[in-house]
Amino acid sequence: MKTIFKKLAIFMGLLLFSCSPANLTNENETVTNSDSSNSSILNSSNSKISNTAYSKIWNFDDLSEWEDATQVGNPNYWIENGNLRIFTNPNTWERSKVKTISNFAAGTYRWNVYVPAMGVGDKASIGAFLYNNDTHELDFEIGYGTQAIRDQLAAEPDDLIVYITSQGYPFQSVQKKIKREQLYNLTIQLTLTSSGRYAVSWKINDAIMATARLNYGKNIKFNIYCSVENLQFIGDHIPQSQNYALFDSVEFKGI
């Protein structure tokens, strides 16, 4: 009889341990990317996280979780007073970039960036964008703009031009005016439609600037980029100034 009671006590103890609060999951819990274990859980195809929103803010105290993505020239960036400062030099075709090591799908992407006075006519662009490949790319690109575009938009001397673009599936490009020497909140919001494809909206300071229905969905994931690049399309001559941007923070909030 003592043997039976002993076995029963062990069984009850194991049952209570398996149901302890430490082993219960709160479905409304927000998962942060504070360590590699969270990242491995999110990236595992065998993991199931119901009704769990993943969120992350990079405040640029350092560049952990980011890597160099510079295509031309030296990596022209550093951390400066809690900002990521990126620049390109005059009379070059430098393309200075950083990107997240991880990639992401549906959710809200937000960049807080200071846009200075850029060189008049310079072919230089401040970029806040999502990239998978050359046709699966969603952009904010800010520059002086060509004179033809400036005339078309009736731009004032203190205006810069922001190019809002889906690079493919489908291609779409919209140009808007913004004022130089200001801090902007740039947002790309990706949601999934009933067909399983993305709908995207681009916002500046929470005002919608453009929208699109994309021909692809969550099978396409994106790295997040911050850049300053000297690019042919966005001005009238090779840059004659050192152009820069200050990224204060980047945020991703999943849905």
Protein backbone atom coordinates (compact mmCIF):
# COMPACT_ATOMS: atom_id res chain seq x y z
CA MET A 1 0.00 0.00 0.00
CA LYS A 2 2.84 2.45 0.86
CA THR A 3 4.35 1.68 -2.56
CA ILE A 4 1.07 2.61 -4.31
CA PHE A 5 0.79 5.91 -2.36
CA LYS A 6 4.42 6.73 -3.12
CA LYS A 7 3.89 6.24 -6.89
CA LEU A 8 0.68 8.29 -6.76
CA ALA A 9 2.48 11.18 -4.99
CA ILE A 10 5.26 11.19 -7.61
CA PHE A 11 2.68 11.21 -10.42
CA MET A 12 0.76 14.16 -8.87
CA GLY A 13 3.99 16.12 -8.37
CA LEU A 14 4.99 15.67 -12.02
CA LEU A 15 1.52 16.74 -13.15
CA LEU A 16 1.61 19.94 -11.07
CA PHE A 17 5.13 20.77 -12.29
CA SER A 18 4.09 20.42 -15.94
CA CYS A 19 1.28 22.96 -15.39
CA SER A 20 3.32 25.53 -13.46
CA PRO A 21 2.95 29.25 -14.49
CA ALA A 22 6.46 29.27 -15.94
CA ASN A 23 5.28 26.87 -18.63
CA LEU A 24 2.11 28.76 -19.62
CA THR A 25 2.12 31.09 -22.65
CA ASN A 26 0.35 34.45 -22.73
CA GLU A 27 -0.96 34.77 -26.30
CA ASN A 28 -0.91 38.59 -26.04
CA GLU A 29 2.74 38.75 -25.00
CA THR A 30 5.01 40.91 -27.16
CA VAL A 31 8.21 39.18 -28.20
CA THR A 32 11.22 41.47 -28.34
CA ASN A 33 14.46 40.72 -30.15
CA SER A 34 16.62 41.28 -27.09
CA ASP A 35 18.46 38.00 -27.53
CA SER A 36 19.23 35.37 -30.15
CA SER A 37 16.80 32.85 -28.64
CA ASN A 38 13.81 35.03 -29.59
CA SER A 39 15.16 35.40 -33.11
CA SER A 40 15.59 31.65 -33.52
CA ILE A 41 12.03 31.04 -32.32
CA LEU A 42 10.61 33.54 -34.81
CA ASN A 43 12.61 32.16 -37.72
CA SER A 44 11.82 28.50 -37.04
CA SER A 45 9.33 26.99 -39.48
CA ASN A 46 8.22 24.56 -36.73
CA SER A 47 7.35 27.32 -34.24
CA LYS A 48 3.74 28.41 -33.73
CA ILE A 49 3.12 31.72 -31.97
CA SER A 50 -0.59 32.55 -31.92
CA ASN A 51 -1.69 36.19 -31.81
CA THR A 52 1.83 37.27 -30.90
CA ALA A 53 3.16 40.59 -32.22
CA TYR A 54 6.92 40.87 -32.71
CA SER A 55 8.29 44.37 -32.23
CA LYS A 56 11.71 45.95 -32.18
CA ILE A 57 13.14 49.47 -31.93
CA TRP A 58 16.72 50.26 -32.87
CA ASN A 59 17.80 53.52 -31.19
CA PHE A 60 21.29 53.48 -32.71
CA ASP A 61 23.28 53.43 -29.53
CA ASP A 62 25.32 50.95 -31.56
CA LEU A 63 25.02 48.94 -34.77
CA SER A 64 24.28 45.54 -33.27
CA GLU A 65 21.80 43.60 -35.43
CA TRP A 66 22.86 45.65 -38.48
CA GLU A 67 25.52 44.98 -41.09
CA ASP A 68 27.29 46.88 -43.82
CA ALA A 69 25.60 46.91 -47.23
CA THR A 70 27.75 49.56 -48.96
CA GLN A 71 27.98 48.94 -52.71
CA VAL A 72 30.44 51.62 -53.88
CA GLY A 73 33.15 53.34 -51.85
CA ASN A 74 34.04 53.06 -48.19
CA PRO A 75 31.45 52.49 -45.43
CA ASN A 76 30.72 56.16 -44.69
CA TYR A 77 28.80 56.01 -41.40
CA TRP A 78 29.17 56.00 -37.64
CA ILE A 79 27.15 56.40 -34.45
CA GLU A 80 26.95 60.05 -33.35
CA ASN A 81 25.07 61.10 -30.20
CA GLY A 82 22.51 58.31 -30.53
CA ASN A 83 22.09 58.78 -34.27
CA LEU A 84 23.31 56.84 -37.25
CA ARG A 85 25.11 59.36 -39.45
CA ILE A 86 25.53 58.27 -43.08
CA PHE A 87 27.13 60.36 -45.83
CA THR A 88 28.60 60.36 -49.33
CA ASN A 89 31.47 62.46 -50.62
CA PRO A 90 31.36 64.92 -53.54
CA ASN A 91 32.54 63.97 -57.02
CA THR A 92 31.97 60.26 -56.34
CA TRP A 93 29.31 57.63 -56.98
CA GLU A 94 29.50 56.32 -53.42
CA ARG A 95 26.58 54.24 -52.12
CA SER A 96 26.72 54.01 -48.32
CA LYS A 97 24.23 51.62 -46.69
CA VAL A 98 23.47 49.51 -43.65
CA LYS A 99 20.82 46.80 -43.39
CA THR A 100 19.29 44.60 -40.69
CA ILE A 101 20.76 41.13 -40.36
CA SER A 102 17.24 39.71 -39.93
CA ASN A 103 14.41 39.98 -42.43
CA PHE A 104 10.73 40.72 -41.84
CA ALA A 105 7.30 40.40 -43.44
CA ALA A 106 3.90 42.02 -42.72
CA GLY A 107 3.93 44.88 -40.25
CA THR A 108 4.72 48.55 -39.77
CA TYR A 109 8.21 49.85 -40.57
CA ARG A 110 9.17 53.29 -39.29
CA TRP A 111 12.28 55.42 -39.75
CA ASN A 112 12.89 58.66 -37.83
CA VAL A 113 15.37 60.60 -39.93
CA TYR A 114 16.69 64.15 -40.06
CA VAL A 115 16.80 65.47 -43.63
CA PRO A 116 19.30 68.34 -44.07
CA ALA A 117 19.65 70.86 -46.90
CA MET A 118 21.06 68.77 -49.72
CA GLY A 119 23.30 70.04 -52.49
CA VAL A 120 21.42 71.92 -55.22
CA GLY A 121 21.13 69.67 -58.27
CA ASP A 122 23.17 66.89 -56.62
CA LYS A 123 22.41 63.34 -57.69
CA ALA A 124 22.24 62.20 -54.05
CA SER A 125 19.54 60.27 -52.23
CA ILE A 126 18.63 59.59 -48.59
CA GLY A 127 17.09 56.13 -48.52
CA ALA A 128 14.72 54.45 -46.06
CA PHE A 129 13.60 51.25 -47.73
CA LEU A 130 12.80 47.54 -47.69
CA TYR A 131 14.74 45.22 -49.98
CA ASN A 132 14.50 41.57 -50.99
CA ASN A 133 15.78 41.85 -54.56
CA ASP A 134 15.73 44.44 -57.35
CA THR A 135 12.04 43.89 -58.17
CA HIS A 136 10.83 43.27 -54.60
CA GLU A 137 11.80 46.61 -53.09
CA LEU A 138 9.76 49.37 -51.42
CA ASP A 139 11.38 52.81 -51.09
CA PHE A 140 11.49 56.27 -49.70
CA GLU A 141 14.27 58.13 -51.53
CA ILE A 142 14.81 61.81 -50.77
CA GLY A 143 16.93 64.19 -52.83
CA TYR A 144 17.05 67.53 -54.57
CA GLY A 145 15.36 66.05 -57.63
CA THR A 146 15.79 66.86 -61.30
CA GLN A 147 14.81 70.31 -62.43
CA ALA A 148 12.09 68.77 -64.60
CA ILE A 149 10.44 67.11 -61.58
CA ARG A 150 10.86 70.26 -59.48
CA ASP A 151 9.15 72.32 -62.18
CA GLN A 152 6.36 69.76 -62.45
CA LEU A 153 5.74 69.89 -58.68
CA ALA A 154 6.25 73.68 -58.43
CA ALA A 155 8.96 73.12 -55.82
CA GLU A 156 10.18 76.07 -53.74
CA PRO A 157 13.92 76.61 -53.09
CA ASP A 158 13.63 74.98 -49.64
CA ASP A 159 11.78 71.93 -50.98
CA LEU A 160 13.29 68.50 -51.56
CA ILE A 161 11.65 65.69 -53.53
CA VAL A 162 10.75 62.31 -52.05
CA TYR A 163 10.38 59.43 -54.48
CA ILE A 164 7.94 56.79 -53.16
CA THR A 165 8.43 53.59 -55.13
CA SER A 166 7.54 49.95 -55.55
CA GLN A 167 10.27 48.61 -57.83
CA GLY A 168 8.15 45.79 -59.28
CA TYR A 169 5.06 43.58 -59.16
CA PRO A 170 3.78 46.18 -59.92
CA PHE A 171 6.16 49.07 -60.55
CA GLN A 172 4.85 52.34 -59.14
CA SER A 173 6.57 55.65 -58.43
CA VAL A 174 5.08 58.80 -56.88
CA GLN A 175 6.92 62.06 -56.19
CA LYS A 176 6.06 64.45 -53.34
CA LYS A 177 7.57 67.64 -51.92
CA ILE A 178 8.98 67.90 -48.41
CA LYS A 179 10.84 70.69 -46.63
CA ARG A 180 14.57 70.40 -46.00
CA GLU A 181 16.23 70.64 -42.57
CA GLN A 182 13.49 68.79 -40.71
CA LEU A 183 13.01 65.53 -38.80
CA TYR A 184 10.62 63.15 -40.53
CA ASN A 185 8.75 60.02 -39.56
CA LEU A 186 8.73 57.75 -42.63
CA THR A 187 6.46 54.71 -42.48
CA ILE A 188 5.88 51.74 -44.75
CA GLN A 189 2.90 49.65 -43.65
CA LEU A 190 2.49 46.15 -45.07
CA THR A 191 -0.76 44.27 -44.49
CA LEU A 192 -2.00 40.98 -45.90
CA THR A 193 -5.18 40.98 -48.00
CA SER A 194 -7.68 38.13 -48.13
CA SER A 195 -5.79 36.80 -51.17
CA GLY A 196 -2.62 36.46 -49.08
CA ARG A 197 -0.86 39.28 -50.95
CA TYR A 198 0.54 42.48 -49.51
CA ALA A 199 -1.15 45.86 -49.51
CA VAL A 200 1.31 48.67 -48.86
CA SER A 201 0.92 52.27 -47.76
CA TRP A 202 3.66 54.87 -47.51
CA LYS A 203 3.23 57.59 -44.87
CA ILE A 204 5.14 60.73 -43.96
CA ASN A 205 4.45 62.01 -40.44
CA ASP A 206 1.46 59.61 -40.40
CA ALA A 207 -0.16 61.14 -43.51
CA ILE A 208 -0.67 58.66 -46.37
CA MET A 209 1.35 59.63 -49.44
CA ALA A 210 0.75 56.56 -51.66
CA THR A 211 -0.75 53.06 -51.62
CA ALA A 212 -0.43 49.93 -53.76
CA ARG A 213 -1.64 46.34 -54.00
CA LEU A 214 1.33 44.06 -54.57
CA ASN A 215 1.36 40.82 -56.54
CA TYR A 216 3.22 38.92 -53.83
CA GLY A 217 2.80 38.12 -50.16
CA LYS A 218 4.46 36.84 -47.00
CA ASN A 219 6.74 34.43 -48.87
CA ILE A 220 8.75 37.59 -49.64
CA LYS A 221 10.57 38.99 -46.60
CA PHE A 222 12.63 42.16 -46.43
CA ASN A 223 15.77 43.51 -44.86
CA ILE A 224 15.44 47.07 -43.55
CA TYR A 225 17.87 49.60 -45.03
CA CYS A 226 19.20 53.07 -44.16
CA SER A 227 21.32 54.75 -46.82
CA VAL A 228 22.77 57.78 -48.51
CA GLU A 229 23.66 57.10 -52.13
CA ASN A 230 24.86 59.12 -55.09
CA LEU A 231 22.41 57.96 -57.78
CA GLN A 232 21.95 58.99 -61.39
CA PHE A 233 18.17 59.50 -61.44
CA ILE A 234 17.63 61.92 -58.56
CA GLY A 235 19.40 65.12 -59.66
CA ASP A 236 21.09 66.91 -62.54
CA HIS A 237 24.83 66.48 -61.91
CA ILE A 238 27.38 64.46 -59.96
CA PRO A 239 27.24 65.61 -56.32
CA GLN A 240 29.27 68.70 -55.55
CA SER A 241 28.60 68.54 -51.78
CA GLN A 242 29.01 66.02 -49.00
CA ASN A 243 25.41 64.89 -48.44
CA TYR A 244 24.31 63.15 -45.26
CA ALA A 245 21.37 61.98 -43.14
CA LEU A 246 20.87 61.36 -39.42
CA PHE A 247 18.77 58.31 -38.55
CA ASP A 248 17.49 58.69 -34.99
CA SER A 249 15.70 55.33 -34.82
CA VAL A 250 14.14 52.52 -36.83
CA GLU A 251 11.17 50.47 -35.66
CA PHE A 252 9.40 47.32 -36.82
CA LYS A 253 6.06 46.25 -35.39
CA GLY A 254 4.64 42.98 -36.67
CA ILE A 255 1.00 42.09 -37.12
